[in-house]
C-alpha atoms as a PDB file:
ATOM      1  CA  MET A   1       0.307   2.885 -18.137  1.00  0.00           C
ATOM      2  CA  LYS A   2      -3.279   3.846 -18.455  1.00  0.00           C
ATOM      3  CA  SER A   3      -3.920   6.915 -20.561  1.00  0.00           C
ATOM      4  CA  SER A   4      -6.073   8.008 -17.640  1.00  0.00           C
ATOM      5  CA  SER A   5      -2.754   8.399 -15.629  1.00  0.00           C
ATOM      6  CA  LEU A   6      -1.829  11.305 -18.003  1.00  0.00           C
ATOM      7  CA  LYS A   7      -4.007  13.492 -15.837  1.00  0.00           C
ATOM      8  CA  ILE A   8      -1.924  12.919 -12.529  1.00  0.00           C
ATOM      9  CA  VAL A   9       1.908  12.357 -13.789  1.00  0.00           C
ATOM     10  CA  CYS A  10       3.920  15.538 -13.990  1.00  0.00           C
ATOM     11  CA  CYS A  11       7.610  16.323 -14.693  1.00  0.00           C
ATOM     12  CA  LEU A  12      10.150  15.810 -12.134  1.00  0.00           C
ATOM     13  CA  ILE A  13      11.877  18.891 -12.656  1.00  0.00           C
ATOM     14  CA  CYS A  14       9.282  21.702 -13.233  1.00  0.00           C
ATOM     15  CA  LYS A  15       6.379  19.976 -12.003  1.00  0.00           C
ATOM     16  CA  GLY A  16       4.536  20.861 -15.272  1.00  0.00           C
ATOM     17  CA  PRO A  17       2.160  18.479 -17.374  1.00  0.00           C
ATOM     18  CA  LEU A  18       3.292  15.772 -19.568  1.00  0.00           C
ATOM     19  CA  SER A  19       1.991  14.827 -23.009  1.00  0.00           C
ATOM     20  CA  LEU A  20       2.234  11.613 -24.550  1.00  0.00           C
ATOM     21  CA  GLN A  21       4.189  11.280 -27.869  1.00  0.00           C
ATOM     22  CA  GLY A  22       2.512   8.675 -29.895  1.00  0.00           C
ATOM     23  CA  PRO A  23      -1.231   7.353 -30.447  1.00  0.00           C
ATOM     24  CA  PRO A  24      -3.211   9.149 -27.663  1.00  0.00           C
ATOM     25  CA  ASP A  25      -6.303   7.077 -28.328  1.00  0.00           C
ATOM     26  CA  VAL A  26      -5.670   3.810 -26.577  1.00  0.00           C
ATOM     27  CA  ASP A  27      -6.576   2.674 -23.072  1.00  0.00           C
ATOM     28  CA  LEU A  28      -3.278   1.015 -22.137  1.00  0.00           C
ATOM     29  CA  ILE A  29       0.054   2.853 -23.325  1.00  0.00           C
ATOM     30  CA  CYS A  30       2.648  -0.062 -23.475  1.00  0.00           C
ATOM     31  CA  GLU A  31       5.688   2.089 -25.291  1.00  0.00           C
ATOM     32  CA  GLY A  32       6.149   5.712 -25.632  1.00  0.00           C
ATOM     33  CA  THR A  33       7.731   8.733 -24.629  1.00  0.00           C
ATOM     34  CA  LEU A  34       6.375  11.413 -22.344  1.00  0.00           C
ATOM     35  CA  SER A  35       7.275  14.985 -22.613  1.00  0.00           C
ATOM     36  CA  CYS A  36       7.126  18.186 -20.540  1.00  0.00           C
ATOM     37  CA  GLU A  37       5.491  20.909 -22.237  1.00  0.00           C
ATOM     38  CA  SER A  38       7.467  23.625 -19.969  1.00  0.00           C
ATOM     39  CA  CYS A  39      11.266  22.169 -19.921  1.00  0.00           C
ATOM     40  CA  GLN A  40      11.096  19.753 -22.566  1.00  0.00           C
ATOM     41  CA  ARG A  41      12.441  16.767 -20.355  1.00  0.00           C
ATOM     42  CA  THR A  42      11.296  13.479 -21.510  1.00  0.00           C
ATOM     43  CA  PHE A  43      10.438   9.981 -19.629  1.00  0.00           C
ATOM     44  CA  ALA A  44       9.904   6.748 -21.244  1.00  0.00           C
ATOM     45  CA  ILE A  45       7.178   4.228 -20.992  1.00  0.00           C
ATOM     46  CA  GLU A  46       8.335   0.638 -21.434  1.00  0.00           C
ATOM     47  CA  ASN A  47       6.298  -2.605 -20.761  1.00  0.00           C
ATOM     48  CA  SER A  48       3.263  -0.222 -19.303  1.00  0.00           C
ATOM     49  CA  ILE A  49       5.746   1.050 -16.780  1.00  0.00           C
ATOM     50  CA  GLY A  50       6.335   4.912 -16.540  1.00  0.00           C
ATOM     51  CA  GLU A  51       9.959   5.563 -16.054  1.00  0.00           C
ATOM     52  CA  PHE A  52      10.869   8.385 -13.904  1.00  0.00           C
ATOM     53  CA  LEU A  53      14.174   7.422 -12.933  1.00  0.00           C
ATOM     54  CA  ARG A  54      18.034   7.878 -14.444  1.00  0.00           C
ATOM     55  CA  VAL A  55      20.361   5.831 -13.080  1.00  0.00           C
ATOM     56  CA  GLU A  56      23.176   7.992 -13.316  1.00  0.00           C
ATOM     57  CA  GLU A  57      21.429  10.684 -11.419  1.00  0.00           C
ATOM     58  CA  LEU A  58      21.114   8.550  -8.449  1.00  0.00           C
ATOM     59  CA  VAL A  59      23.181   9.702  -5.253  1.00  0.00           C
ATOM     60  CA  GLY A  60      23.565   8.367  -1.823  1.00  0.00           C
ATOM     61  CA  PHE A  61      22.040   5.377  -0.404  1.00  0.00           C
ATOM     62  CA  ASN A  62      19.659   5.048  -3.460  1.00  0.00           C
ATOM     63  CA  LYS A  63      22.499   4.795  -5.906  1.00  0.00           C
ATOM     64  CA  ARG A  64      23.390   1.595  -4.111  1.00  0.00           C
ATOM     65  CA  TYR A  65      20.175   0.023  -3.307  1.00  0.00           C
ATOM     66  CA  GLU A  66      18.808   0.389  -6.904  1.00  0.00           C
ATOM     67  CA  LYS A  67      21.274  -2.098  -7.834  1.00  0.00           C
ATOM     68  CA  LEU A  68      21.311  -4.365  -4.825  1.00  0.00           C
ATOM     69  CA  ASN A  69      17.170  -4.230  -5.039  1.00  0.00           C
ATOM     70  CA  ASN A  70      17.409  -5.394  -8.874  1.00  0.00           C
ATOM     71  CA  ILE A  71      19.590  -8.614  -7.289  1.00  0.00           C
ATOM     72  CA  PHE A  72      17.382  -8.675  -4.193  1.00  0.00           C
ATOM     73  CA  SER A  73      14.157  -8.993  -6.162  1.00  0.00           C
ATOM     74  CA  HIS A  74      14.728 -12.722  -6.850  1.00  0.00           C
ATOM     75  CA  VAL A  75      14.485 -13.565  -3.223  1.00  0.00           C
ATOM     76  CA  TYR A  76      12.413 -10.833  -1.656  1.00  0.00           C
ATOM     77  CA  THR A  77       9.287 -12.180  -1.024  1.00  0.00           C
ATOM     78  CA  PRO A  78      10.533 -15.485   0.637  1.00  0.00           C
ATOM     79  CA  ALA A  79      13.081 -13.399   2.721  1.00  0.00           C
ATOM     80  CA  THR A  80      10.286 -10.981   4.000  1.00  0.00           C
ATOM     81  CA  ARG A  81       8.070 -13.647   4.863  1.00  0.00           C
ATOM     82  CA  LEU A  82      11.228 -15.443   6.962  1.00  0.00           C
ATOM     83  CA  MET A  83      11.541 -12.068   8.445  1.00  0.00           C
ATOM     84  CA  PHE A  84       7.690 -11.731   9.395  1.00  0.00           C
ATOM     85  CA  ALA A  85       7.945 -15.098  11.110  1.00  0.00           C
ATOM     86  CA  LEU A  86       9.714 -13.232  13.849  1.00  0.00           C
ATOM     87  CA  CYS A  87       6.577 -10.773  14.114  1.00  0.00           C
ATOM     88  CA  GLY A  88       3.835 -13.238  14.189  1.00  0.00           C
ATOM     89  CA  GLY A  89       3.565 -14.129  10.822  1.00  0.00           C
ATOM     90  CA  GLU A  90       3.291 -12.146   7.571  1.00  0.00           C
ATOM     91  CA  GLU A  91      -0.720 -12.230   7.808  1.00  0.00           C
ATOM     92  CA  ASN A  92      -0.609 -10.166  11.253  1.00  0.00           C
ATOM     93  CA  ALA A  93       2.226  -8.032  10.295  1.00  0.00           C
ATOM     94  CA  ARG A  94       1.057  -6.633   6.943  1.00  0.00           C
ATOM     95  CA  ARG A  95      -2.385  -6.111   8.701  1.00  0.00           C
ATOM     96  CA  GLU A  96      -0.759  -4.525  11.516  1.00  0.00           C
ATOM     97  CA  CYS A  97       0.167  -1.669   9.079  1.00  0.00           C
ATOM     98  CA  LEU A  98      -2.731  -1.686   6.365  1.00  0.00           C
ATOM     99  CA  GLU A  99      -5.420  -1.666   8.991  1.00  0.00           C
ATOM    100  CA  ARG A 100      -4.575   1.586  10.021  1.00  0.00           C
ATOM    101  CA  LEU A 101      -5.174   3.110   6.536  1.00  0.00           C
ATOM    102  CA  GLU A 102      -8.285   5.064   6.140  1.00  0.00           C
ATOM    103  CA  ARG A 103     -10.010   3.387   3.140  1.00  0.00           C
ATOM    104  CA  ARG A 104     -13.163   4.533   1.351  1.00  0.00           C
ATOM    105  CA  ALA A 105     -14.789   3.714  -2.165  1.00  0.00           C
ATOM    106  CA  GLY A 106     -13.329   4.914  -5.108  1.00  0.00           C
ATOM    107  CA  ALA A 107     -10.055   6.022  -3.566  1.00  0.00           C
ATOM    108  CA  LYS A 108      -6.843   6.691  -5.227  1.00  0.00           C
ATOM    109  CA  ILE A 109      -4.174   4.756  -3.359  1.00  0.00           C
ATOM    110  CA  LEU A 110      -0.240   5.168  -3.619  1.00  0.00           C
ATOM    111  CA  GLU A 111       2.190   2.943  -2.279  1.00  0.00           C
ATOM    112  CA  VAL A 112       5.649   4.381  -2.125  1.00  0.00           C
ATOM    113  CA  GLY A 113       8.139   1.369  -2.358  1.00  0.00           C
ATOM    114  CA  ILE A 114       5.814  -0.986  -3.752  1.00  0.00           C
ATOM    115  CA  GLY A 115       8.543  -3.639  -4.332  1.00  0.00           C
ATOM    116  CA  THR A 116       7.025  -7.004  -5.631  1.00  0.00           C
ATOM    117  CA  GLY A 117       3.499  -6.009  -4.713  1.00  0.00           C
ATOM    118  CA  ASP A 118       2.879  -8.349  -1.745  1.00  0.00           C
ATOM    119  CA  ASN A 119       0.828  -5.808   0.087  1.00  0.00           C
ATOM    120  CA  LEU A 120      -1.706  -5.684  -2.680  1.00  0.00           C
ATOM    121  CA  PRO A 121      -3.638  -8.794  -1.985  1.00  0.00           C
ATOM    122  CA  TYR A 122      -4.570  -7.411   1.496  1.00  0.00           C
ATOM    123  CA  LEU A 123      -5.682  -4.126  -0.086  1.00  0.00           C
ATOM    124  CA  ALA A 124      -7.586  -6.226  -2.419  1.00  0.00           C
ATOM    125  CA  ARG A 125      -9.811  -7.496   0.495  1.00  0.00           C
ATOM    126  CA  CYS A 126     -10.963  -4.237   1.206  1.00  0.00           C
ATOM    127  CA  PRO A 127     -14.591  -4.171  -0.549  1.00  0.00           C
ATOM    128  CA  ASP A 128     -14.237  -0.487  -0.917  1.00  0.00           C
ATOM    129  CA  GLY A 129     -11.834  -1.107  -3.957  1.00  0.00           C
ATOM    130  CA  GLY A 130      -9.738   1.813  -5.381  1.00  0.00           C
ATOM    131  CA  GLU A 131      -7.398   2.351  -7.841  1.00  0.00           C
ATOM    132  CA  VAL A 132      -3.772   1.337  -6.848  1.00  0.00           C
ATOM    133  CA  TYR A 133      -0.473   3.051  -7.962  1.00  0.00           C
ATOM    134  CA  GLY A 134       2.813   1.760  -7.055  1.00  0.00           C
ATOM    135  CA  LEU A 135       6.419   3.011  -7.304  1.00  0.00           C
ATOM    136  CA  ASP A 136       9.728   1.506  -6.943  1.00  0.00           C
ATOM    137  CA  ILE A 137      13.428   2.508  -7.352  1.00  0.00           C
ATOM    138  CA  SER A 138      14.287  -1.088  -8.702  1.00  0.00           C
ATOM    139  CA  ARG A 139      13.184  -2.282 -12.036  1.00  0.00           C
ATOM    140  CA  GLY A 140      13.728  -5.753 -11.015  1.00  0.00           C
ATOM    141  CA  MET A 141      11.069  -5.456  -8.179  1.00  0.00           C
ATOM    142  CA  LEU A 142       8.524  -3.723 -10.381  1.00  0.00           C
ATOM    143  CA  ARG A 143       8.960  -6.495 -13.104  1.00  0.00           C
ATOM    144  CA  ARG A 144       8.194  -9.225 -10.310  1.00  0.00           C
ATOM    145  CA  CYS A 145       5.410  -6.946  -9.384  1.00  0.00           C
ATOM    146  CA  ALA A 146       3.902  -6.879 -12.699  1.00  0.00           C
ATOM    147  CA  ARG A 147       3.986 -10.697 -13.047  1.00  0.00           C
ATOM    148  CA  ASN A 148       2.470 -10.939  -9.740  1.00  0.00           C
ATOM    149  CA  LEU A 149      -0.549  -8.894 -10.735  1.00  0.00           C
ATOM    150  CA  ARG A 150      -1.378 -11.012 -13.454  1.00  0.00           C
ATOM    151  CA  LYS A 151      -0.977 -14.334 -11.592  1.00  0.00           C
ATOM    152  CA  TRP A 152      -3.036 -12.731  -8.859  1.00  0.00           C
ATOM    153  CA  GLY A 153      -5.741 -11.234 -11.149  1.00  0.00           C
ATOM    154  CA  LEU A 154      -4.984  -7.749  -9.800  1.00  0.00           C
ATOM    155  CA  GLN A 155      -4.255  -4.336 -11.265  1.00  0.00           C
ATOM    156  CA  ALA A 156      -2.276  -1.644 -10.399  1.00  0.00           C
ATOM    157  CA  GLU A 157      -0.263   1.215 -12.144  1.00  0.00           C
ATOM    158  CA  LEU A 158       3.526   1.141 -11.831  1.00  0.00           C
ATOM    159  CA  PHE A 159       6.169   3.541 -11.991  1.00  0.00           C
ATOM    160  CA  LEU A 160       9.894   3.400 -11.625  1.00  0.00           C
ATOM    161  CA  GLY A 161      11.321   6.527  -9.576  1.00  0.00           C
ATOM    162  CA  GLU A 162      12.752   7.886  -6.494  1.00  0.00           C
ATOM    163  CA  ALA A 163      10.433   8.399  -3.428  1.00  0.00           C
ATOM    164  CA  GLU A 164      12.280  11.733  -3.166  1.00  0.00           C
ATOM    165  CA  ARG A 165      10.957  12.955  -6.505  1.00  0.00           C
ATOM    166  CA  LEU A 166       7.500  11.608  -6.938  1.00  0.00           C
ATOM    167  CA  PRO A 167       6.350  11.788 -10.404  1.00  0.00           C
ATOM    168  CA  PHE A 168       2.796  13.094  -9.587  1.00  0.00           C
ATOM    169  CA  ARG A 169       0.775  16.195  -9.373  1.00  0.00           C
ATOM    170  CA  ASP A 170       0.130  17.876  -6.120  1.00  0.00           C
ATOM    171  CA  GLN A 171      -2.869  16.706  -3.783  1.00  0.00           C
ATOM    172  CA  THR A 172      -3.435  13.587  -6.058  1.00  0.00           C
ATOM    173  CA  PHE A 173      -4.021  10.622  -3.506  1.00  0.00           C
ATOM    174  CA  ASP A 174      -6.544   9.889  -0.872  1.00  0.00           C
ATOM    175  CA  ILE A 175      -4.438   6.986   0.548  1.00  0.00           C
ATOM    176  CA  VAL A 176      -0.741   7.303   0.859  1.00  0.00           C
ATOM    177  CA  PHE A 177       1.636   4.797   2.674  1.00  0.00           C
ATOM    178  CA  HIS A 178       5.264   3.292   2.607  1.00  0.00           C
ATOM    179  CA  ILE A 179       6.258  -0.031   4.203  1.00  0.00           C
ATOM    180  CA  GLY A 180       9.920  -1.241   4.690  1.00  0.00           C
ATOM    181  CA  ALA A 181      12.597   0.968   3.168  1.00  0.00           C
ATOM    182  CA  ILE A 182      12.778   4.270   4.398  1.00  0.00           C
ATOM    183  CA  ASN A 183      15.679   3.551   6.714  1.00  0.00           C
ATOM    184  CA  PHE A 184      17.733   3.314   3.421  1.00  0.00           C
ATOM    185  CA  PHE A 185      16.508   6.660   1.609  1.00  0.00           C
ATOM    186  CA  THR A 186      18.979   9.076   0.701  1.00  0.00           C
ATOM    187  CA  ASP A 187      16.865  11.891   2.067  1.00  0.00           C
ATOM    188  CA  LYS A 188      13.914  10.750   4.300  1.00  0.00           C
ATOM    189  CA  LYS A 189      13.073  14.185   5.035  1.00  0.00           C
ATOM    190  CA  GLN A 190      12.521  14.834   1.326  1.00  0.00           C
ATOM    191  CA  ALA A 191      10.665  11.781   0.801  1.00  0.00           C
ATOM    192  CA  ILE A 192       8.311  12.515   3.544  1.00  0.00           C
ATOM    193  CA  GLN A 193       7.545  15.749   2.003  1.00  0.00           C
ATOM    194  CA  GLU A 194       6.704  14.248  -1.231  1.00  0.00           C
ATOM    195  CA  MET A 195       4.427  11.843   0.209  1.00  0.00           C
ATOM    196  CA  ILE A 196       2.480  14.820   1.836  1.00  0.00           C
ATOM    197  CA  ARG A 197       2.732  17.028  -1.563  1.00  0.00           C
ATOM    198  CA  VAL A 198       0.934  14.261  -3.312  1.00  0.00           C
ATOM    199  CA  ALA A 199      -1.737  13.618  -0.774  1.00  0.00           C
ATOM    200  CA  ARG A 200      -5.093  15.208  -0.526  1.00  0.00           C
ATOM    201  CA  PRO A 201      -5.916  17.364   2.380  1.00  0.00           C
ATOM    202  CA  GLY A 202      -6.757  15.522   5.423  1.00  0.00           C
ATOM    203  CA  THR A 203      -4.988  12.261   4.140  1.00  0.00           C
ATOM    204  CA  LYS A 204      -3.667   9.855   6.731  1.00  0.00           C
ATOM    205  CA  ILE A 205       0.001   8.833   5.846  1.00  0.00           C
ATOM    206  CA  ILE A 206       1.705   5.578   7.053  1.00  0.00           C
ATOM    207  CA  ILE A 207       5.282   4.849   7.335  1.00  0.00           C
ATOM    208  CA  ALA A 208       6.534   1.563   8.515  1.00  0.00           C
ATOM    209  CA  ASP A 209       9.998  -0.128   8.719  1.00  0.00           C
ATOM    210  CA  GLU A 210      12.416  -2.337  10.681  1.00  0.00           C
ATOM    211  CA  SER A 211      13.558  -1.085  14.159  1.00  0.00           C
ATOM    212  CA  GLU A 212      17.250  -1.262  14.932  1.00  0.00           C
ATOM    213  CA  ARG A 213      16.532  -4.300  17.053  1.00  0.00           C
ATOM    214  CA  ALA A 214      15.486  -6.100  13.776  1.00  0.00           C
ATOM    215  CA  LEU A 215      18.465  -5.063  11.779  1.00  0.00           C
ATOM    216  CA  ARG A 216      20.809  -5.921  14.589  1.00  0.00           C
ATOM    217  CA  LEU A 217      19.507  -9.530  14.502  1.00  0.00           C
ATOM    218  CA  LEU A 218      19.663  -9.379  10.810  1.00  0.00           C
ATOM    219  CA  ASP A 219      23.119  -8.105  10.876  1.00  0.00           C
ATOM    220  CA  LYS A 220      24.136 -11.568  12.547  1.00  0.00           C
ATOM    221  CA  PHE A 221      22.928 -13.461   9.328  1.00  0.00           C
ATOM    222  CA  LEU A 222      25.201 -11.518   6.965  1.00  0.00           C
ATOM    223  CA  PHE A 223      22.725  -8.875   6.315  1.00  0.00           C
ATOM    224  CA  GLN A 224      25.337  -6.036   6.849  1.00  0.00           C
ATOM    225  CA  LEU A 225      27.837  -8.022   4.458  1.00  0.00           C
ATOM    226  CA  TRP A 226      25.015  -7.395   2.032  1.00  0.00           C
ATOM    227  CA  ILE A 227      24.278  -3.828   2.784  1.00  0.00           C
ATOM    228  CA  GLY A 228      27.459  -2.818   4.114  1.00  0.00           C
ATOM    229  CA  LYS A 229      28.245  -0.115   7.056  1.00  0.00           C
ATOM    230  CA  ARG A 230      24.832   1.257   8.237  1.00  0.00           C
ATOM    231  CA  GLU A 231      23.572   4.107  10.346  1.00  0.00           C
ATOM    232  CA  GLU A 232      21.588   3.127  13.370  1.00  0.00           C
ATOM    233  CA  VAL A 233      18.000   3.066  12.721  1.00  0.00           C
ATOM    234  CA  VAL A 234      16.074   6.167  14.078  1.00  0.00           C
ATOM    235  CA  PRO A 235      12.367   6.312  13.275  1.00  0.00           C
ATOM    236  CA  PRO A 236      12.174   9.672  11.382  1.00  0.00           C
ATOM    237  CA  ILE A 237       9.458  10.939  13.296  1.00  0.00           C
ATOM    238  CA  ASP A 238      11.407  14.295  13.893  1.00  0.00           C
ATOM    239  CA  LEU A 239      11.328  14.891   9.986  1.00  0.00           C
ATOM    240  CA  ILE A 240       7.376  15.237  10.305  1.00  0.00           C
ATOM    241  CA  PRO A 241       6.794  18.824   9.783  1.00  0.00           C
ATOM    242  CA  GLU A 242       4.986  20.553  12.513  1.00  0.00           C
ATOM    243  CA  THR A 243       1.932  21.525  10.298  1.00  0.00           C
ATOM    244  CA  THR A 244       0.789  17.923   9.996  1.00  0.00           C
ATOM    245  CA  LEU A 245      -2.077  16.619  12.523  1.00  0.00           C
ATOM    246  CA  GLU A 246      -2.344  13.489  14.651  1.00  0.00           C
ATOM    247  CA  THR A 247       1.361  12.348  14.524  1.00  0.00           C
ATOM    248  CA  ARG A 248       2.070   9.250  16.529  1.00  0.00           C
ATOM    249  CA  LEU A 249       4.899   6.655  16.812  1.00  0.00           C
ATOM    250  CA  ASP A 250       4.203   3.314  17.655  1.00  0.00           C
ATOM    251  CA  THR A 251       6.383   0.039  18.237  1.00  0.00           C
ATOM    252  CA  ILE A 252       4.744  -2.829  15.998  1.00  0.00           C
ATOM    253  CA  TRP A 253       5.997  -6.341  14.732  1.00  0.00           C
ATOM    254  CA  ASN A 254       6.726  -7.625  18.333  1.00  0.00           C
ATOM    255  CA  GLY A 255       9.185  -5.049  18.720  1.00  0.00           C
ATOM    256  CA  TYR A 256      10.875  -5.492  15.530  1.00  0.00           C
ATOM    257  CA  GLY A 257       9.567  -2.445  13.597  1.00  0.00           C
ATOM    258  CA  TYR A 258       7.807   0.839  13.957  1.00  0.00           C
ATOM    259  CA  CYS A 259       4.926   2.686  12.382  1.00  0.00           C
ATOM    260  CA  ILE A 260       4.602   6.383  12.233  1.00  0.00           C
ATOM    261  CA  GLU A 261       1.299   7.873  11.082  1.00  0.00           C
ATOM    262  CA  PHE A 262      -0.059  11.604  10.674  1.00  0.00           C
ATOM    263  CA  ARG A 263      -2.527  13.495   8.724  1.00  0.00           C
ATOM    264  CA  THR A 264      -1.885  16.127   6.108  1.00  0.00           C
ATOM    265  CA  PRO A 265      -2.597  19.760   6.952  1.00  0.00           C
ATOM    266  CA  LEU A 266      -6.430  20.701   5.992  1.00  0.00           C
ATOM    267  CA  ARG A 267      -5.350  23.457   3.790  1.00  0.00           C
END
């Protein structure tokens, strides 16, 4: 974690500022402890990843999928490429979502559920650049993401945590998006509210995931055996607060996905 990120992270409990216990004069913090000045809660930094997750505190779907995603991280990239083959190819599928983002020079970009980082090469093609921050619930996914970043020669700040409790201060990011996991979040409404909280006023937020049509197809290939019993997929557009602007729901990925976009209030 870069020392500059100390300006944007916050305590999960009280949203108070965090201070680093250790040498503060290094640009890259590989190991250390972050301490909340208000409630004294501490958070670790390991292998340059800020860890804002305690597995024993997970509940619901998050508790199940944290374990499954650590295992699934080994085959995540080829599995998603196979799925995107149904959607006209991975290139088209990712562009169909990422081209909706409003990119601008020097933007702070947050991907909630960054996984192995497969969206990052597409983001890097934009000449405007920007600082990328990624959060995921799975250590296994983040480790592979870190390896991919080194392989691709790209940079991103990585954080371990839940979408329902983002470890960032209010109104921090210029771009916020999530692709491919909200169907199985424990609390979709809270996750959406958190994305809104950390976005700057007027920010366009993108949320996309597989449709029920896609998961029914995957069920035939033992996907249901992997994840267990699931609820029918309903795009969570009804969970978007009425105070947001320009809310819309689109069918994407040749009918195998949906995309919700909206703009945070101009408060």
